[in-house]
Amino acid sequence: MVPYIDSHCHLTCDECYENVDELIEQAKAANVSKMMIICTNIEEFEKALPIRQKDPDTFKIAFGWYPEDALKVTKEDMEYLENAAKNHQIDVLGEIGLDYHNDKSYKDKQIQLFKDQIAIANKYNLPIAIHMREASGDCMDILKSDPKTRIIFHCYSGSAETLKEALKLNSLISFAGPITFKNNKQGPENVKICPADRILSETDSPYLAPVPKRGKRNQPAFVQYTVGKIAEIKEMDEEELKEQIEKNFDSLFAADQIQ
């Protein structure tokens, strides 16, 4: 049986880390063979390092400064991130991007932080994982001009038009639990549009648990429900889809990933 891939899970955030070993065991029991741990601060990143060291075939690490942290990220923080990239301690730089949902007053600082982190990713040949919320125009303008490495659109929830533009950038599009929600009409439409060779699956644990686990704390083991929904929407054999998702995920780390 082909395994599942969780390309985006916050296993070292406070809510998950308290029983991280149990979550990992449950994921493996559910046939999840690869997980990318997303780290949004130094504490989470330093907790992730020994997890990957213990089981490098299973885990990848992504680390970057979240857009809403733009007001507090220091020069020292950026130096820390660059050192982590330089020393091959991270596999993906992210999640980074723009988020105008709560406050647009400092969007210039968000944009500068975003561009500065893309520059680090370019320098050290790291894929970037994108957080884009109510900022599609600015985010896409930057992504069309700045990155030189592969792009992952994490938990994609934008329009079909933006998705088509993202695909032109040779991006991977990651879908999460919301595509299983009954009131989400755009999500399934995006899945239909997205070619199978560009799709990733994720949980965004501990957030956005899929149906039938909605309302519970999400975990990597639940990625199976999202993958099942993707297969249903695309009218694909689920094993075939899982094989393609694994190929897509592995392609991020190929030596020839630079566009």
C-alpha atoms as a PDB file:
ATOM      1  CA  MET A   1       0.000   0.000   0.000  1.00  0.00           C
ATOM      2  CA  VAL A   2       1.370   3.395  -0.996  1.00  0.00           C
ATOM      3  CA  PRO A   3       1.933   5.657   2.033  1.00  0.00           C
ATOM      4  CA  TYR A   4       0.411   9.048   2.772  1.00  0.00           C
ATOM      5  CA  ILE A   5       2.373  12.313   2.918  1.00  0.00           C
ATOM      6  CA  ASP A   6       1.711  15.181   5.330  1.00  0.00           C
ATOM      7  CA  SER A   7       3.571  18.105   3.804  1.00  0.00           C
ATOM      8  CA  HIS A   8       2.677  20.622   6.523  1.00  0.00           C
ATOM      9  CA  CYS A   9       2.219  19.857  10.231  1.00  0.00           C
ATOM     10  CA  HIS A  10       3.102  21.935  13.295  1.00  0.00           C
ATOM     11  CA  LEU A  11       4.294  19.006  15.400  1.00  0.00           C
ATOM     12  CA  THR A  12       6.508  21.105  17.656  1.00  0.00           C
ATOM     13  CA  CYS A  13       3.955  23.787  18.500  1.00  0.00           C
ATOM     14  CA  ASP A  14       2.889  23.721  22.151  1.00  0.00           C
ATOM     15  CA  GLU A  15      -0.423  22.005  21.444  1.00  0.00           C
ATOM     16  CA  CYS A  16       1.162  19.063  19.606  1.00  0.00           C
ATOM     17  CA  TYR A  17       4.558  18.768  21.275  1.00  0.00           C
ATOM     18  CA  GLU A  18       3.134  17.712  24.639  1.00  0.00           C
ATOM     19  CA  ASN A  19       2.349  14.294  23.126  1.00  0.00           C
ATOM     20  CA  VAL A  20       4.428  14.386  19.951  1.00  0.00           C
ATOM     21  CA  ASP A  21       5.668  10.789  20.271  1.00  0.00           C
ATOM     22  CA  GLU A  22       2.097   9.521  20.411  1.00  0.00           C
ATOM     23  CA  LEU A  23       1.119  11.606  17.371  1.00  0.00           C
ATOM     24  CA  ILE A  24       4.069  10.229  15.404  1.00  0.00           C
ATOM     25  CA  GLU A  25       3.175   6.650  16.355  1.00  0.00           C
ATOM     26  CA  GLN A  26      -0.444   7.201  15.314  1.00  0.00           C
ATOM     27  CA  ALA A  27       0.672   8.715  12.021  1.00  0.00           C
ATOM     28  CA  LYS A  28       2.891   5.764  11.187  1.00  0.00           C
ATOM     29  CA  ALA A  29       0.114   3.346  12.164  1.00  0.00           C
ATOM     30  CA  ALA A  30      -2.100   5.214   9.673  1.00  0.00           C
ATOM     31  CA  ASN A  31       0.518   4.662   6.925  1.00  0.00           C
ATOM     32  CA  VAL A  32       1.900   8.226   6.910  1.00  0.00           C
ATOM     33  CA  SER A  33       5.515   7.782   5.846  1.00  0.00           C
ATOM     34  CA  LYS A  34       6.718  11.387   5.466  1.00  0.00           C
ATOM     35  CA  MET A  35       5.949  14.529   7.429  1.00  0.00           C
ATOM     36  CA  MET A  36       7.260  18.058   7.131  1.00  0.00           C
ATOM     37  CA  ILE A  37       7.426  19.808  10.492  1.00  0.00           C
ATOM     38  CA  ILE A  38       6.611  23.508  10.182  1.00  0.00           C
ATOM     39  CA  CYS A  39       8.399  25.758  12.661  1.00  0.00           C
ATOM     40  CA  THR A  40       7.398  29.386  13.200  1.00  0.00           C
ATOM     41  CA  ASN A  41       9.903  30.284  15.935  1.00  0.00           C
ATOM     42  CA  ILE A  42      13.303  29.257  17.241  1.00  0.00           C
ATOM     43  CA  GLU A  43      11.907  27.135  20.076  1.00  0.00           C
ATOM     44  CA  GLU A  44       9.806  25.046  17.677  1.00  0.00           C
ATOM     45  CA  PHE A  45      12.744  24.706  15.290  1.00  0.00           C
ATOM     46  CA  GLU A  46      15.135  23.484  17.982  1.00  0.00           C
ATOM     47  CA  LYS A  47      12.564  20.902  19.101  1.00  0.00           C
ATOM     48  CA  ALA A  48      12.227  19.666  15.522  1.00  0.00           C
ATOM     49  CA  LEU A  49      15.940  19.059  14.936  1.00  0.00           C
ATOM     50  CA  PRO A  50      16.279  15.939  17.153  1.00  0.00           C
ATOM     51  CA  ILE A  51      13.041  14.505  15.726  1.00  0.00           C
ATOM     52  CA  ARG A  52      14.476  14.652  12.216  1.00  0.00           C
ATOM     53  CA  GLN A  53      17.905  13.473  13.366  1.00  0.00           C
ATOM     54  CA  LYS A  54      16.327  10.371  14.910  1.00  0.00           C
ATOM     55  CA  ASP A  55      14.315   9.542  11.768  1.00  0.00           C
ATOM     56  CA  PRO A  56      15.580  11.467   8.712  1.00  0.00           C
ATOM     57  CA  ASP A  57      13.701   9.258   6.245  1.00  0.00           C
ATOM     58  CA  THR A  58      10.373  10.327   7.743  1.00  0.00           C
ATOM     59  CA  PHE A  59      10.836  13.981   8.647  1.00  0.00           C
ATOM     60  CA  LYS A  60      11.677  17.219   6.874  1.00  0.00           C
ATOM     61  CA  ILE A  61      11.888  20.614   8.579  1.00  0.00           C
ATOM     62  CA  ALA A  62      10.516  23.934   7.390  1.00  0.00           C
ATOM     63  CA  PHE A  63      11.358  27.119   9.260  1.00  0.00           C
ATOM     64  CA  GLY A  64      10.611  30.758   8.531  1.00  0.00           C
ATOM     65  CA  TRP A  65       9.184  33.910  10.030  1.00  0.00           C
ATOM     66  CA  TYR A  66       5.422  34.195   9.808  1.00  0.00           C
ATOM     67  CA  PRO A  67       4.143  37.400   8.137  1.00  0.00           C
ATOM     68  CA  GLU A  68       2.312  38.634  11.218  1.00  0.00           C
ATOM     69  CA  ASP A  69       5.641  38.589  13.100  1.00  0.00           C
ATOM     70  CA  ALA A  70       7.025  41.315  10.818  1.00  0.00           C
ATOM     71  CA  LEU A  71       6.908  43.934  13.579  1.00  0.00           C
ATOM     72  CA  LYS A  72       9.039  41.928  15.980  1.00  0.00           C
ATOM     73  CA  VAL A  73      11.536  39.996  13.831  1.00  0.00           C
ATOM     74  CA  THR A  74      15.017  41.330  14.603  1.00  0.00           C
ATOM     75  CA  LYS A  75      18.275  41.416  12.697  1.00  0.00           C
ATOM     76  CA  GLU A  76      19.480  38.627  14.994  1.00  0.00           C
ATOM     77  CA  ASP A  77      16.412  36.545  14.119  1.00  0.00           C
ATOM     78  CA  MET A  78      17.193  36.886  10.422  1.00  0.00           C
ATOM     79  CA  GLU A  79      20.820  35.934  11.039  1.00  0.00           C
ATOM     80  CA  TYR A  80      19.635  32.858  12.956  1.00  0.00           C
ATOM     81  CA  LEU A  81      17.429  31.820  10.039  1.00  0.00           C
ATOM     82  CA  GLU A  82      20.212  32.334   7.520  1.00  0.00           C
ATOM     83  CA  ASN A  83      22.638  30.294   9.616  1.00  0.00           C
ATOM     84  CA  ALA A  84      20.100  27.469   9.789  1.00  0.00           C
ATOM     85  CA  ALA A  85      19.801  27.581   5.999  1.00  0.00           C
ATOM     86  CA  LYS A  86      23.550  27.792   5.508  1.00  0.00           C
ATOM     87  CA  ASN A  87      24.159  24.818   7.802  1.00  0.00           C
ATOM     88  CA  HIS A  88      21.593  22.614   6.008  1.00  0.00           C
ATOM     89  CA  GLN A  89      19.384  22.439   9.078  1.00  0.00           C
ATOM     90  CA  ILE A  90      16.195  23.256   7.181  1.00  0.00           C
ATOM     91  CA  ASP A  91      14.717  21.615   4.104  1.00  0.00           C
ATOM     92  CA  VAL A  92      12.160  24.287   3.210  1.00  0.00           C
ATOM     93  CA  LEU A  93      12.042  27.967   4.134  1.00  0.00           C
ATOM     94  CA  GLY A  94       8.537  28.692   5.380  1.00  0.00           C
ATOM     95  CA  GLU A  95       5.875  29.241   6.036  1.00  0.00           C
ATOM     96  CA  ILE A  96       6.428  32.773   4.805  1.00  0.00           C
ATOM     97  CA  GLY A  97       4.278  35.215   2.904  1.00  0.00           C
ATOM     98  CA  LEU A  98       1.654  37.893   3.464  1.00  0.00           C
ATOM     99  CA  ASP A  99      -1.429  38.045   5.677  1.00  0.00           C
ATOM    100  CA  TYR A 100      -3.662  41.121   5.575  1.00  0.00           C
ATOM    101  CA  HIS A 101      -6.643  39.507   7.325  1.00  0.00           C
ATOM    102  CA  ASN A 102      -6.258  41.132  10.739  1.00  0.00           C
ATOM    103  CA  ASP A 103      -4.154  44.212  10.098  1.00  0.00           C
ATOM    104  CA  LYS A 104      -2.966  45.913   6.915  1.00  0.00           C
ATOM    105  CA  SER A 105      -1.273  48.800   8.700  1.00  0.00           C
ATOM    106  CA  TYR A 106       2.199  47.260   8.519  1.00  0.00           C
ATOM    107  CA  LYS A 107       1.975  45.491   5.185  1.00  0.00           C
ATOM    108  CA  ASP A 108       5.150  47.215   3.976  1.00  0.00           C
ATOM    109  CA  LYS A 109       7.059  45.476   6.761  1.00  0.00           C
ATOM    110  CA  GLN A 110       5.430  42.165   5.862  1.00  0.00           C
ATOM    111  CA  ILE A 111       6.476  42.631   2.243  1.00  0.00           C
ATOM    112  CA  GLN A 112      10.065  43.434   3.234  1.00  0.00           C
ATOM    113  CA  LEU A 113      10.257  40.416   5.551  1.00  0.00           C
ATOM    114  CA  PHE A 114       8.853  38.230   2.788  1.00  0.00           C
ATOM    115  CA  LYS A 115      11.403  39.456   0.243  1.00  0.00           C
ATOM    116  CA  ASP A 116      14.299  39.146   2.697  1.00  0.00           C
ATOM    117  CA  GLN A 117      13.410  35.524   3.395  1.00  0.00           C
ATOM    118  CA  ILE A 118      13.028  34.716  -0.291  1.00  0.00           C
ATOM    119  CA  ALA A 119      16.554  36.086  -0.767  1.00  0.00           C
ATOM    120  CA  ILE A 120      17.846  33.609   1.823  1.00  0.00           C
ATOM    121  CA  ALA A 121      15.988  30.751   0.111  1.00  0.00           C
ATOM    122  CA  ASN A 122      17.461  31.742  -3.239  1.00  0.00           C
ATOM    123  CA  LYS A 123      20.968  31.951  -1.791  1.00  0.00           C
ATOM    124  CA  TYR A 124      20.836  28.469  -0.274  1.00  0.00           C
ATOM    125  CA  ASN A 125      18.608  26.790  -2.874  1.00  0.00           C
ATOM    126  CA  LEU A 126      15.674  26.092  -0.555  1.00  0.00           C
ATOM    127  CA  PRO A 127      12.062  25.673  -1.620  1.00  0.00           C
ATOM    128  CA  ILE A 128       9.644  28.138  -0.025  1.00  0.00           C
ATOM    129  CA  ALA A 129       6.275  27.395   1.606  1.00  0.00           C
ATOM    130  CA  ILE A 130       3.784  30.217   1.161  1.00  0.00           C
ATOM    131  CA  HIS A 131       1.178  31.554   3.566  1.00  0.00           C
ATOM    132  CA  MET A 132      -1.162  33.819   1.583  1.00  0.00           C
ATOM    133  CA  ARG A 133      -4.293  35.263   3.228  1.00  0.00           C
ATOM    134  CA  GLU A 134      -6.274  38.146   1.776  1.00  0.00           C
ATOM    135  CA  ALA A 135      -3.062  39.335   0.088  1.00  0.00           C
ATOM    136  CA  SER A 136      -3.093  37.485  -3.226  1.00  0.00           C
ATOM    137  CA  GLY A 137      -2.248  40.495  -5.411  1.00  0.00           C
ATOM    138  CA  ASP A 138       0.886  41.580  -3.557  1.00  0.00           C
ATOM    139  CA  CYS A 139       1.947  38.018  -2.850  1.00  0.00           C
ATOM    140  CA  MET A 140       1.682  36.889  -6.462  1.00  0.00           C
ATOM    141  CA  ASP A 141       3.484  39.994  -7.731  1.00  0.00           C
ATOM    142  CA  ILE A 142       6.444  39.137  -5.497  1.00  0.00           C
ATOM    143  CA  LEU A 143       6.393  35.459  -6.394  1.00  0.00           C
ATOM    144  CA  LYS A 144       6.438  36.279 -10.105  1.00  0.00           C
ATOM    145  CA  SER A 145       9.629  38.302  -9.725  1.00  0.00           C
ATOM    146  CA  ASP A 146      11.726  37.177  -6.750  1.00  0.00           C
ATOM    147  CA  PRO A 147      11.988  33.395  -6.130  1.00  0.00           C
ATOM    148  CA  LYS A 148      14.393  31.130  -7.965  1.00  0.00           C
ATOM    149  CA  THR A 149      13.427  27.918  -6.149  1.00  0.00           C
ATOM    150  CA  ARG A 150      10.303  25.749  -6.012  1.00  0.00           C
ATOM    151  CA  ILE A 151       7.191  27.219  -4.412  1.00  0.00           C
ATOM    152  CA  ILE A 152       4.607  25.431  -2.262  1.00  0.00           C
ATOM    153  CA  PHE A 153       1.261  27.126  -1.740  1.00  0.00           C
ATOM    154  CA  HIS A 154       0.333  25.868   1.703  1.00  0.00           C
ATOM    155  CA  CYS A 155      -3.340  25.085   2.438  1.00  0.00           C
ATOM    156  CA  TYR A 156      -4.431  26.728  -0.787  1.00  0.00           C
ATOM    157  CA  SER A 157      -7.729  28.590  -0.436  1.00  0.00           C
ATOM    158  CA  GLY A 158      -7.507  31.290  -3.102  1.00  0.00           C
ATOM    159  CA  SER A 159      -9.440  31.787  -6.303  1.00  0.00           C
ATOM    160  CA  ALA A 160      -9.278  29.617  -9.393  1.00  0.00           C
ATOM    161  CA  GLU A 161      -7.719  32.530 -11.274  1.00  0.00           C
ATOM    162  CA  THR A 162      -4.891  32.859  -8.741  1.00  0.00           C
ATOM    163  CA  LEU A 163      -4.387  29.102  -8.797  1.00  0.00           C
ATOM    164  CA  LYS A 164      -3.845  29.199 -12.543  1.00  0.00           C
ATOM    165  CA  GLU A 165      -1.247  31.930 -12.068  1.00  0.00           C
ATOM    166  CA  ALA A 166       0.454  29.869  -9.345  1.00  0.00           C
ATOM    167  CA  LEU A 167       0.654  26.866 -11.653  1.00  0.00           C
ATOM    168  CA  LYS A 168       2.480  28.986 -14.233  1.00  0.00           C
ATOM    169  CA  LEU A 169       5.247  29.402 -11.623  1.00  0.00           C
ATOM    170  CA  ASN A 170       5.809  25.617 -11.537  1.00  0.00           C
ATOM    171  CA  SER A 171       4.428  25.624  -7.996  1.00  0.00           C
ATOM    172  CA  LEU A 172       3.088  22.767  -5.926  1.00  0.00           C
ATOM    173  CA  ILE A 173      -0.387  23.298  -4.471  1.00  0.00           C
ATOM    174  CA  SER A 174      -1.070  21.804  -1.055  1.00  0.00           C
ATOM    175  CA  PHE A 175      -4.611  21.004   0.006  1.00  0.00           C
ATOM    176  CA  ALA A 176      -5.775  20.517   3.586  1.00  0.00           C
ATOM    177  CA  GLY A 177      -8.896  19.656   5.587  1.00  0.00           C
ATOM    178  CA  PRO A 178     -11.090  22.519   4.333  1.00  0.00           C
ATOM    179  CA  ILE A 179     -11.609  20.784   0.976  1.00  0.00           C
ATOM    180  CA  THR A 180     -13.707  18.227   2.898  1.00  0.00           C
ATOM    181  CA  PHE A 181     -16.022  20.871   4.397  1.00  0.00           C
ATOM    182  CA  LYS A 182     -19.563  20.890   2.993  1.00  0.00           C
ATOM    183  CA  ASN A 183     -19.715  24.691   2.758  1.00  0.00           C
ATOM    184  CA  ASN A 184     -16.438  24.964   0.833  1.00  0.00           C
ATOM    185  CA  LYS A 185     -17.336  25.176  -2.848  1.00  0.00           C
ATOM    186  CA  GLN A 186     -14.131  26.838  -4.082  1.00  0.00           C
ATOM    187  CA  GLY A 187     -11.808  24.208  -2.595  1.00  0.00           C
ATOM    188  CA  PRO A 188     -13.121  21.264  -4.632  1.00  0.00           C
ATOM    189  CA  GLU A 189     -13.149  23.427  -7.756  1.00  0.00           C
ATOM    190  CA  ASN A 190      -9.470  24.205  -7.186  1.00  0.00           C
ATOM    191  CA  VAL A 191      -8.711  20.518  -6.752  1.00  0.00           C
ATOM    192  CA  LYS A 192     -10.382  19.808 -10.106  1.00  0.00           C
ATOM    193  CA  ILE A 193      -8.290  22.478 -11.821  1.00  0.00           C
ATOM    194  CA  CYS A 194      -4.963  21.453 -10.283  1.00  0.00           C
ATOM    195  CA  PRO A 195      -3.059  18.736 -12.196  1.00  0.00           C
ATOM    196  CA  ALA A 196      -2.230  15.683 -10.107  1.00  0.00           C
ATOM    197  CA  ASP A 197       1.489  16.226 -10.639  1.00  0.00           C
ATOM    198  CA  ARG A 198       1.257  19.539  -8.752  1.00  0.00           C
ATOM    199  CA  ILE A 199      -0.738  18.379  -5.721  1.00  0.00           C
ATOM    200  CA  LEU A 200       0.483  17.960  -2.157  1.00  0.00           C
ATOM    201  CA  SER A 201      -1.556  16.819   0.848  1.00  0.00           C
ATOM    202  CA  GLU A 202      -1.315  18.270   4.341  1.00  0.00           C
ATOM    203  CA  THR A 203      -3.058  18.505   7.684  1.00  0.00           C
ATOM    204  CA  ASP A 204      -1.779  21.844   9.040  1.00  0.00           C
ATOM    205  CA  SER A 205      -1.988  20.075  12.405  1.00  0.00           C
ATOM    206  CA  PRO A 206      -3.263  20.940  14.955  1.00  0.00           C
ATOM    207  CA  TYR A 207      -5.618  23.104  12.889  1.00  0.00           C
ATOM    208  CA  LEU A 208      -8.343  22.468  10.279  1.00  0.00           C
ATOM    209  CA  ALA A 209      -9.210  18.847  10.991  1.00  0.00           C
ATOM    210  CA  PRO A 210     -10.974  17.258   8.001  1.00  0.00           C
ATOM    211  CA  VAL A 211     -14.388  15.650   7.934  1.00  0.00           C
ATOM    212  CA  PRO A 212     -15.098  13.240   9.692  1.00  0.00           C
ATOM    213  CA  LYS A 213     -12.724  14.555  12.385  1.00  0.00           C
ATOM    214  CA  ARG A 214     -13.854  18.187  12.150  1.00  0.00           C
ATOM    215  CA  GLY A 215     -13.910  19.886  15.539  1.00  0.00           C
ATOM    216  CA  LYS A 216     -11.144  17.689  16.935  1.00  0.00           C
ATOM    217  CA  ARG A 217      -7.474  18.571  17.203  1.00  0.00           C
ATOM    218  CA  ASN A 218      -5.930  17.733  13.863  1.00  0.00           C
ATOM    219  CA  GLN A 219      -2.961  15.364  13.529  1.00  0.00           C
ATOM    220  CA  PRO A 220      -0.901  13.828  10.706  1.00  0.00           C
ATOM    221  CA  ALA A 221      -2.845  10.553  10.862  1.00  0.00           C
ATOM    222  CA  PHE A 222      -5.891  12.440   9.560  1.00  0.00           C
ATOM    223  CA  VAL A 223      -4.248  13.314   6.235  1.00  0.00           C
ATOM    224  CA  GLN A 224      -5.865  10.171   4.830  1.00  0.00           C
ATOM    225  CA  TYR A 225      -9.263  11.904   4.776  1.00  0.00           C
ATOM    226  CA  THR A 226      -7.987  14.826   2.757  1.00  0.00           C
ATOM    227  CA  VAL A 227      -6.254  12.525   0.288  1.00  0.00           C
ATOM    228  CA  GLY A 228      -9.418  10.461  -0.013  1.00  0.00           C
ATOM    229  CA  LYS A 229     -11.409  13.591  -0.819  1.00  0.00           C
ATOM    230  CA  ILE A 230      -8.872  14.720  -3.413  1.00  0.00           C
ATOM    231  CA  ALA A 231      -9.087  11.304  -5.082  1.00  0.00           C
ATOM    232  CA  GLU A 232     -12.893  11.483  -5.055  1.00  0.00           C
ATOM    233  CA  ILE A 233     -12.977  14.965  -6.589  1.00  0.00           C
ATOM    234  CA  LYS A 234     -10.445  14.105  -9.280  1.00  0.00           C
ATOM    235  CA  GLU A 235     -12.013  10.686  -9.908  1.00  0.00           C
ATOM    236  CA  MET A 236      -8.640   9.046  -9.397  1.00  0.00           C
ATOM    237  CA  ASP A 237      -7.616   5.779  -7.842  1.00  0.00           C
ATOM    238  CA  GLU A 238      -6.432   6.716  -4.344  1.00  0.00           C
ATOM    239  CA  GLU A 239      -3.318   4.544  -4.520  1.00  0.00           C
ATOM    240  CA  GLU A 240      -2.354   6.177  -7.799  1.00  0.00           C
ATOM    241  CA  LEU A 241      -2.896   9.611  -6.268  1.00  0.00           C
ATOM    242  CA  LYS A 242      -0.805   8.773  -3.198  1.00  0.00           C
ATOM    243  CA  GLU A 243       2.034   7.608  -5.431  1.00  0.00           C
ATOM    244  CA  GLN A 244       1.891  10.877  -7.371  1.00  0.00           C
ATOM    245  CA  ILE A 245       1.804  12.997  -4.198  1.00  0.00           C
ATOM    246  CA  GLU A 246       4.898  11.212  -2.903  1.00  0.00           C
ATOM    247  CA  LYS A 247       6.702  11.920  -6.189  1.00  0.00           C
ATOM    248  CA  ASN A 248       5.648  15.563  -5.991  1.00  0.00           C
ATOM    249  CA  PHE A 249       6.905  15.886  -2.426  1.00  0.00           C
ATOM    250  CA  ASP A 250      10.227  14.209  -3.212  1.00  0.00           C
ATOM    251  CA  SER A 251      10.717  16.487  -6.229  1.00  0.00           C
ATOM    252  CA  LEU A 252      11.120  19.441  -3.861  1.00  0.00           C
ATOM    253  CA  PHE A 253      14.426  18.073  -2.690  1.00  0.00           C
ATOM    254  CA  ALA A 254      15.897  16.962  -6.012  1.00  0.00           C
ATOM    255  CA  ALA A 255      19.277  18.410  -6.958  1.00  0.00           C
ATOM    256  CA  ASP A 256      17.836  20.060 -10.090  1.00  0.00           C
ATOM    257  CA  GLN A 257      15.000  21.910  -8.310  1.00  0.00           C
ATOM    258  CA  ILE A 258      16.187  25.411  -9.347  1.00  0.00           C
ATOM    259  CA  GLN A 259      13.989  26.722 -12.151  1.00  0.00           C
END
